[in-house]
PDB file of N, CA and C in Angstrom:
ATOM      1  N   UNK A   1      48.661 176.917 147.170  1.00  0.00           N
ATOM      2  CA  UNK A   1      48.643 176.870 148.636  1.00  0.00           C
ATOM      3  C   UNK A   1      49.314 175.612 149.171  1.00  0.00           C
ATOM      4  N   UNK A   2      48.910 174.495 148.614  1.00  0.00           N
ATOM      5  CA  UNK A   2      49.457 173.226 149.103  1.00  0.00           C
ATOM      6  C   UNK A   2      50.960 173.170 148.852  1.00  0.00           C
ATOM      7  N   UNK A   3      51.360 173.690 147.690  1.00  0.00           N
ATOM      8  CA  UNK A   3      52.783 173.652 147.347  1.00  0.00           C
ATOM      9  C   UNK A   3      53.597 174.488 148.331  1.00  0.00           C
ATOM     10  N   UNK A   4      53.063 175.668 148.678  1.00  0.00           N
ATOM     11  CA  UNK A   4      53.753 176.533 149.636  1.00  0.00           C
ATOM     12  C   UNK A   4      53.902 175.844 150.987  1.00  0.00           C
ATOM     13  N   UNK A   5      52.832 175.209 151.429  1.00  0.00           N
ATOM     14  CA  UNK A   5      52.861 174.535 152.727  1.00  0.00           C
ATOM     15  C   UNK A   5      53.906 173.429 152.713  1.00  0.00           C
ATOM     16  N   UNK A   6      53.958 172.692 151.611  1.00  0.00           N
ATOM     17  CA  UNK A   6      54.941 171.620 151.497  1.00  0.00           C
ATOM     18  C   UNK A   6      56.355 172.160 151.546  1.00  0.00           C
ATOM     19  N   UNK A   7      56.555 173.315 150.910  1.00  0.00           N
ATOM     20  CA  UNK A   7      57.899 173.889 150.887  1.00  0.00           C
ATOM     21  C   UNK A   7      58.344 174.307 152.279  1.00  0.00           C
ATOM     22  N   UNK A   8      57.442 174.955 153.023  1.00  0.00           N
ATOM     23  CA  UNK A   8      57.809 175.402 154.365  1.00  0.00           C
ATOM     24  C   UNK A   8      58.078 174.204 155.273  1.00  0.00           C
ATOM     25  N   UNK A   9      57.313 173.134 155.093  1.00  0.00           N
ATOM     26  CA  UNK A   9      57.553 171.929 155.884  1.00  0.00           C
ATOM     27  C   UNK A   9      58.912 171.349 155.529  1.00  0.00           C
ATOM     28  N   UNK A  10      59.250 171.379 154.241  1.00  0.00           N
ATOM     29  CA  UNK A  10      60.547 170.867 153.791  1.00  0.00           C
ATOM     30  C   UNK A  10      61.675 171.681 154.409  1.00  0.00           C
ATOM     31  N   UNK A  11      61.506 173.015 154.425  1.00  0.00           N
ATOM     32  CA  UNK A  11      62.531 173.871 155.016  1.00  0.00           C
ATOM     33  C   UNK A  11      62.670 173.603 156.511  1.00  0.00           C
ATOM     34  N   UNK A  12      61.534 173.393 157.179  1.00  0.00           N
ATOM     35  CA  UNK A  12      61.574 173.111 158.613  1.00  0.00           C
ATOM     36  C   UNK A  12      62.337 171.828 158.893  1.00  0.00           C
ATOM     37  N   UNK A  13      62.067 170.791 158.098  1.00  0.00           N
ATOM     38  CA  UNK A  13      62.756 169.524 158.331  1.00  0.00           C
ATOM     39  C   UNK A  13      64.238 169.664 158.005  1.00  0.00           C
ATOM     40  N   UNK A  14      64.572 170.519 157.039  1.00  0.00           N
ATOM     41  CA  UNK A  14      65.976 170.769 156.724  1.00  0.00           C
ATOM     42  C   UNK A  14      66.678 171.431 157.897  1.00  0.00           C
ATOM     43  N   UNK A  15      66.018 172.437 158.474  1.00  0.00           N
ATOM     44  CA  UNK A  15      66.581 173.143 159.630  1.00  0.00           C
ATOM     45  C   UNK A  15      66.772 172.169 160.789  1.00  0.00           C
ATOM     46  N   UNK A  16      65.771 171.318 160.984  1.00  0.00           N
ATOM     47  CA  UNK A  16      65.843 170.332 162.063  1.00  0.00           C
ATOM     48  C   UNK A  16      67.041 169.415 161.849  1.00  0.00           C
ATOM     49  N   UNK A  17      67.227 168.964 160.604  1.00  0.00           N
ATOM     50  CA  UNK A  17      68.325 168.051 160.314  1.00  0.00           C
ATOM     51  C   UNK A  17      69.667 168.745 160.515  1.00  0.00           C
ATOM     52  N   UNK A  18      69.754 170.016 160.113  1.00  0.00           N
ATOM     53  CA  UNK A  18      71.004 170.749 160.294  1.00  0.00           C
ATOM     54  C   UNK A  18      71.324 170.900 161.772  1.00  0.00           C
ATOM     55  N   UNK A  19      70.292 171.152 162.580  1.00  0.00           N
ATOM     56  CA  UNK A  19      70.511 171.271 164.024  1.00  0.00           C
ATOM     57  C   UNK A  19      71.039 169.958 164.586  1.00  0.00           C
ATOM     58  N   UNK A  20      70.475 168.847 164.126  1.00  0.00           N
ATOM     59  CA  UNK A  20      70.925 167.545 164.613  1.00  0.00           C
ATOM     60  C   UNK A  20      72.368 167.294 164.198  1.00  0.00           C
ATOM     61  N   UNK A  21      72.709 167.661 162.945  1.00  0.00           N
ATOM     62  CA  UNK A  21      74.086 167.480 162.485  1.00  0.00           C
ATOM     63  C   UNK A  21      75.031 168.346 163.300  1.00  0.00           C
ATOM     64  N   UNK A  22      74.631 169.594 163.564  1.00  0.00           N
ATOM     65  CA  UNK A  22      75.454 170.485 164.370  1.00  0.00           C
ATOM     66  C   UNK A  22      75.648 169.922 165.771  1.00  0.00           C
ATOM     67  N   UNK A  23      74.585 169.353 166.324  1.00  0.00           N
ATOM     68  CA  UNK A  23      74.656 168.774 167.661  1.00  0.00           C
ATOM     69  C   UNK A  23      75.647 167.615 167.681  1.00  0.00           C
ATOM     70  N   UNK A  24      75.576 166.754 166.652  1.00  0.00           N
ATOM     71  CA  UNK A  24      76.497 165.624 166.577  1.00  0.00           C
ATOM     72  C   UNK A  24      77.927 166.119 166.434  1.00  0.00           C
ATOM     73  N   UNK A  25      78.129 167.146 165.600  1.00  0.00           N
ATOM     74  CA  UNK A  25      79.466 167.695 165.412  1.00  0.00           C
ATOM     75  C   UNK A  25      80.008 168.261 166.715  1.00  0.00           C
ATOM     76  N   UNK A  26      79.191 169.015 167.436  1.00  0.00           N
ATOM     77  CA  UNK A  26      79.662 169.610 168.684  1.00  0.00           C
ATOM     78  C   UNK A  26      79.928 168.534 169.726  1.00  0.00           C
ATOM     79  N   UNK A  27      79.161 167.448 169.684  1.00  0.00           N
ATOM     80  CA  UNK A  27      79.408 166.340 170.604  1.00  0.00           C
ATOM     81  C   UNK A  27      80.759 165.712 170.307  1.00  0.00           C
ATOM     82  N   UNK A  28      81.046 165.508 169.029  1.00  0.00           N
ATOM     83  CA  UNK A  28      82.337 164.946 168.631  1.00  0.00           C
ATOM     84  C   UNK A  28      83.458 165.892 169.028  1.00  0.00           C
ATOM     85  N   UNK A  29      83.269 167.193 168.784  1.00  0.00           N
ATOM     86  CA  UNK A  29      84.276 168.178 169.157  1.00  0.00           C
ATOM     87  C   UNK A  29      84.518 168.155 170.658  1.00  0.00           C
ATOM     88  N   UNK A  30      83.446 168.010 171.413  1.00  0.00           N
ATOM     89  CA  UNK A  30      83.565 167.961 172.867  1.00  0.00           C
ATOM     90  C   UNK A  30      84.389 166.746 173.284  1.00  0.00           C
ATOM     91  N   UNK A  31      84.107 165.596 172.681  1.00  0.00           N
ATOM     92  CA  UNK A  31      84.849 164.381 173.002  1.00  0.00           C
ATOM     93  C   UNK A  31      86.315 164.540 172.628  1.00  0.00           C
ATOM     94  N   UNK A  32      86.569 165.150 171.468  1.00  0.00           N
ATOM     95  CA  UNK A  32      87.947 165.350 171.030  1.00  0.00           C
ATOM     96  C   UNK A  32      88.693 166.254 171.996  1.00  0.00           C
ATOM     97  N   UNK A  33      88.065 167.354 172.412  1.00  0.00           N
ATOM     98  CA  UNK A  33      88.740 168.271 173.327  1.00  0.00           C
ATOM     99  C   UNK A  33      88.944 167.616 174.688  1.00  0.00           C
ATOM    100  N   UNK A  34      88.036 166.743 175.084  1.00  0.00           N
ATOM    101  CA  UNK A  34      88.212 166.010 176.340  1.00  0.00           C
ATOM    102  C   UNK A  34      89.427 165.106 176.244  1.00  0.00           C
ATOM    103  N   UNK A  35      89.561 164.430 175.104  1.00  0.00           N
ATOM    104  CA  UNK A  35      90.723 163.563 174.883  1.00  0.00           C
ATOM    105  C   UNK A  35      91.997 164.400 174.887  1.00  0.00           C
ATOM    106  N   UNK A  36      91.958 165.570 174.215  1.00  0.00           N
ATOM    107  CA  UNK A  36      93.106 166.476 174.207  1.00  0.00           C
ATOM    108  C   UNK A  36      93.477 166.867 175.631  1.00  0.00           C
ATOM    109  N   UNK A  37      92.462 167.180 176.411  1.00  0.00           N
ATOM    110  CA  UNK A  37      92.684 167.599 177.791  1.00  0.00           C
ATOM    111  C   UNK A  37      93.340 166.472 178.585  1.00  0.00           C
ATOM    112  N   UNK A  38      92.834 165.261 178.423  1.00  0.00           N
ATOM    113  CA  UNK A  38      93.395 164.111 179.131  1.00  0.00           C
ATOM    114  C   UNK A  38      94.836 163.870 178.698  1.00  0.00           C
ATOM    115  N   UNK A  39      95.090 164.017 177.398  1.00  0.00           N
ATOM    116  CA  UNK A  39      96.447 163.814 176.895  1.00  0.00           C
ATOM    117  C   UNK A  39      97.398 164.846 177.484  1.00  0.00           C
ATOM    118  N   UNK A  40      96.973 166.120 177.482  1.00  0.00           N
ATOM    119  CA  UNK A  40      97.862 167.173 177.967  1.00  0.00           C
ATOM    120  C   UNK A  40      98.096 167.038 179.467  1.00  0.00           C
ATOM    121  N   UNK A  41      97.074 166.658 180.230  1.00  0.00           N
ATOM    122  CA  UNK A  41      97.281 166.476 181.666  1.00  0.00           C
ATOM    123  C   UNK A  41      98.152 165.246 181.895  1.00  0.00           C
ATOM    124  N   UNK A  42      98.013 164.258 181.026  1.00  0.00           N
ATOM    125  CA  UNK A  42      98.854 163.071 181.128  1.00  0.00           C
ATOM    126  C   UNK A  42     100.314 163.421 180.907  1.00  0.00           C
ATOM    127  N   UNK A  43     100.550 164.323 179.958  1.00  0.00           N
ATOM    128  CA  UNK A  43     101.924 164.733 179.695  1.00  0.00           C
ATOM    129  C   UNK A  43     102.450 165.602 180.825  1.00  0.00           C
ATOM    130  N   UNK A  44     101.543 166.377 181.427  1.00  0.00           N
ATOM    131  CA  UNK A  44     101.960 167.293 182.487  1.00  0.00           C
ATOM    132  C   UNK A  44     102.381 166.521 183.738  1.00  0.00           C
ATOM    133  N   UNK A  45     101.678 165.452 184.060  1.00  0.00           N
ATOM    134  CA  UNK A  45     101.955 164.752 185.314  1.00  0.00           C
ATOM    135  C   UNK A  45     103.025 163.715 185.187  1.00  0.00           C
TER     136      UNK A  45
END
């Protein structure tokens, strides 16, 4: 019983960490696309 509970907690923390990593990645992607947008508008004007 205890082992099962520990495993599910481990999986939960893994999922949580993956969500945080995904969030950081999407934040970086957002910043990159913003920079791309600024660059392209800079070239346009």
